[in-house]
Each structure stands twice: as C-alpha cells, then as structure tokens.
Amino acid sequence: MGFEDPETDRLIEAGTVAVDLNERRAINNELQRRLQELQPIASLFHTPIWVLYDDRLRGLAPSDSDYVQFTREIKAWSWSPERP
C-alpha cells in the first residue's frame, strides 16, 4: 500500500527549493492542508516535547518551528559560568 499524489509531490519539491522563509512557510501550510484533505485517519492529539536546559549552555537556539535546535557538533556547545 502506498501513497501517490502529484500535487503533494509538487508541493514537497517547491518547499524543498524555496529560499524565502515566508514562501516556504506558505508552501508548507498548503502541503499540510493537502495532506489533511487526503488522509484516511486523523490524529486527535499532539504531545508537545519539552526541552529544559540551563541558559549557561551555549550552542542551542530556537528553530523557525519553535523547537530547540541542537547543533549536531557537540564541540559547538560551550558552558558559560555566567548567566546572560
């Protein structure tokens, strides 16, 4: 069993190559609406992921989707003895 939809494929491709953040956000919103229209079932809830960390730990930054984005290189993390 698979999923095929040319419009969904087009939106995924467009969102992948869009450079402008607002354009990418609009494309992804359209993609989400499309997927919602086509889905056979619906999730009734979403469990948030909480990330707690000391603000003296450097190298963490919120991403555009409001999740904390961890730098892949742990060497990029640093510890500051003083709070910002």
C-alpha atoms as a PDB file:
ATOM      1  CA  MET A   1       0.000   0.000   0.000  1.00  0.00           C
ATOM      2  CA  GLY A   2       1.444   3.363  -0.969  1.00  0.00           C
ATOM      3  CA  PHE A   3       0.640   6.996  -1.366  1.00  0.00           C
ATOM      4  CA  GLU A   4       0.806   8.841  -4.672  1.00  0.00           C
ATOM      5  CA  ASP A   5      -0.394  12.346  -5.361  1.00  0.00           C
ATOM      6  CA  PRO A   6       1.189  14.633  -7.983  1.00  0.00           C
ATOM      7  CA  GLU A   7       0.055  17.815  -6.182  1.00  0.00           C
ATOM      8  CA  THR A   8       1.625  16.655  -2.922  1.00  0.00           C
ATOM      9  CA  ASP A   9       4.838  15.804  -4.765  1.00  0.00           C
ATOM     10  CA  ARG A  10       4.852  19.259  -6.367  1.00  0.00           C
ATOM     11  CA  LEU A  11       4.401  20.976  -3.004  1.00  0.00           C
ATOM     12  CA  ILE A  12       7.157  18.924  -1.370  1.00  0.00           C
ATOM     13  CA  GLU A  13       9.531  19.817  -4.199  1.00  0.00           C
ATOM     14  CA  ALA A  14       8.560  23.506  -4.099  1.00  0.00           C
ATOM     15  CA  GLY A  15       9.051  23.660  -0.332  1.00  0.00           C
ATOM     16  CA  THR A  16      12.432  21.999  -0.635  1.00  0.00           C
ATOM     17  CA  VAL A  17      13.813  24.529  -3.107  1.00  0.00           C
ATOM     18  CA  ALA A  18      12.150  27.699  -1.755  1.00  0.00           C
ATOM     19  CA  VAL A  19      14.742  30.028  -0.254  1.00  0.00           C
ATOM     20  CA  ASP A  20      12.450  32.698   1.158  1.00  0.00           C
ATOM     21  CA  LEU A  21      11.193  31.702   4.619  1.00  0.00           C
ATOM     22  CA  ASN A  22       7.721  33.215   4.124  1.00  0.00           C
ATOM     23  CA  GLU A  23       7.340  31.483   0.760  1.00  0.00           C
ATOM     24  CA  ARG A  24       8.447  28.159   2.273  1.00  0.00           C
ATOM     25  CA  ARG A  25       6.020  28.609   5.173  1.00  0.00           C
ATOM     26  CA  ALA A  26       3.127  29.281   2.750  1.00  0.00           C
ATOM     27  CA  ILE A  27       4.017  26.210   0.677  1.00  0.00           C
ATOM     28  CA  ASN A  28       4.272  24.022   3.781  1.00  0.00           C
ATOM     29  CA  ASN A  29       0.915  25.324   5.041  1.00  0.00           C
ATOM     30  CA  GLU A  30      -0.628  24.413   1.675  1.00  0.00           C
ATOM     31  CA  LEU A  31       1.038  20.994   1.871  1.00  0.00           C
ATOM     32  CA  GLN A  32      -0.407  20.421   5.341  1.00  0.00           C
ATOM     33  CA  ARG A  33      -3.892  21.333   4.101  1.00  0.00           C
ATOM     34  CA  ARG A  34      -3.476  18.952   1.159  1.00  0.00           C
ATOM     35  CA  LEU A  35      -2.345  16.102   3.379  1.00  0.00           C
ATOM     36  CA  GLN A  36      -5.234  16.767   5.752  1.00  0.00           C
ATOM     37  CA  GLU A  37      -7.698  16.518   2.863  1.00  0.00           C
ATOM     38  CA  LEU A  38      -6.227  13.213   1.677  1.00  0.00           C
ATOM     39  CA  GLN A  39      -5.550  11.468   4.973  1.00  0.00           C
ATOM     40  CA  PRO A  40      -7.591   8.351   5.746  1.00  0.00           C
ATOM     41  CA  ILE A  41      -7.332   8.887   9.523  1.00  0.00           C
ATOM     42  CA  ALA A  42      -6.694  11.880  11.784  1.00  0.00           C
ATOM     43  CA  SER A  43      -4.521  12.297  14.848  1.00  0.00           C
ATOM     44  CA  LEU A  44      -6.651  13.567  17.673  1.00  0.00           C
ATOM     45  CA  PHE A  45      -3.834  14.969  19.796  1.00  0.00           C
ATOM     46  CA  HIS A  46      -0.228  16.070  19.682  1.00  0.00           C
ATOM     47  CA  THR A  47       2.151  15.569  22.567  1.00  0.00           C
ATOM     48  CA  PRO A  48       4.489  18.539  22.995  1.00  0.00           C
ATOM     49  CA  ILE A  49       8.161  17.883  23.568  1.00  0.00           C
ATOM     50  CA  TRP A  50       9.597  19.919  26.423  1.00  0.00           C
ATOM     51  CA  VAL A  51      13.287  20.701  26.452  1.00  0.00           C
ATOM     52  CA  LEU A  52      14.767  22.146  29.633  1.00  0.00           C
ATOM     53  CA  TYR A  53      18.311  23.381  29.781  1.00  0.00           C
ATOM     54  CA  ASP A  54      20.436  25.782  31.779  1.00  0.00           C
ATOM     55  CA  ASP A  55      20.800  29.134  29.994  1.00  0.00           C
ATOM     56  CA  ARG A  56      24.551  28.983  30.563  1.00  0.00           C
ATOM     57  CA  LEU A  57      24.769  26.187  27.982  1.00  0.00           C
ATOM     58  CA  ARG A  58      25.673  27.796  24.649  1.00  0.00           C
ATOM     59  CA  GLY A  59      25.070  26.350  21.181  1.00  0.00           C
ATOM     60  CA  LEU A  60      21.291  25.878  21.491  1.00  0.00           C
ATOM     61  CA  ALA A  61      18.905  28.103  19.555  1.00  0.00           C
ATOM     62  CA  PRO A  62      15.184  28.012  18.780  1.00  0.00           C
ATOM     63  CA  SER A  63      14.441  26.961  15.230  1.00  0.00           C
ATOM     64  CA  ASP A  64      11.881  28.580  12.924  1.00  0.00           C
ATOM     65  CA  SER A  65       9.353  25.953  14.028  1.00  0.00           C
ATOM     66  CA  ASP A  66       9.838  26.911  17.714  1.00  0.00           C
ATOM     67  CA  TYR A  67      11.650  23.717  18.571  1.00  0.00           C
ATOM     68  CA  VAL A  68      15.072  23.869  20.165  1.00  0.00           C
ATOM     69  CA  GLN A  69      17.650  23.095  17.529  1.00  0.00           C
ATOM     70  CA  PHE A  70      20.681  21.247  18.838  1.00  0.00           C
ATOM     71  CA  THR A  71      23.888  21.807  16.941  1.00  0.00           C
ATOM     72  CA  ARG A  72      24.962  18.449  15.554  1.00  0.00           C
ATOM     73  CA  GLU A  73      28.557  19.028  16.573  1.00  0.00           C
ATOM     74  CA  ILE A  74      28.740  18.679  20.332  1.00  0.00           C
ATOM     75  CA  LYS A  75      32.064  20.540  20.086  1.00  0.00           C
ATOM     76  CA  ALA A  76      29.992  23.644  19.236  1.00  0.00           C
ATOM     77  CA  TRP A  77      28.373  23.559  22.683  1.00  0.00           C
ATOM     78  CA  SER A  78      30.033  25.529  25.413  1.00  0.00           C
ATOM     79  CA  TRP A  79      29.426  26.309  29.042  1.00  0.00           C
ATOM     80  CA  SER A  80      29.473  29.843  30.410  1.00  0.00           C
ATOM     81  CA  PRO A  81      29.892  30.270  34.161  1.00  0.00           C
ATOM     82  CA  GLU A  82      27.848  33.497  33.943  1.00  0.00           C
ATOM     83  CA  ARG A  83      24.209  33.798  33.003  1.00  0.00           C
ATOM     84  CA  PRO A  84      23.351  36.022  30.027  1.00  0.00           C
END
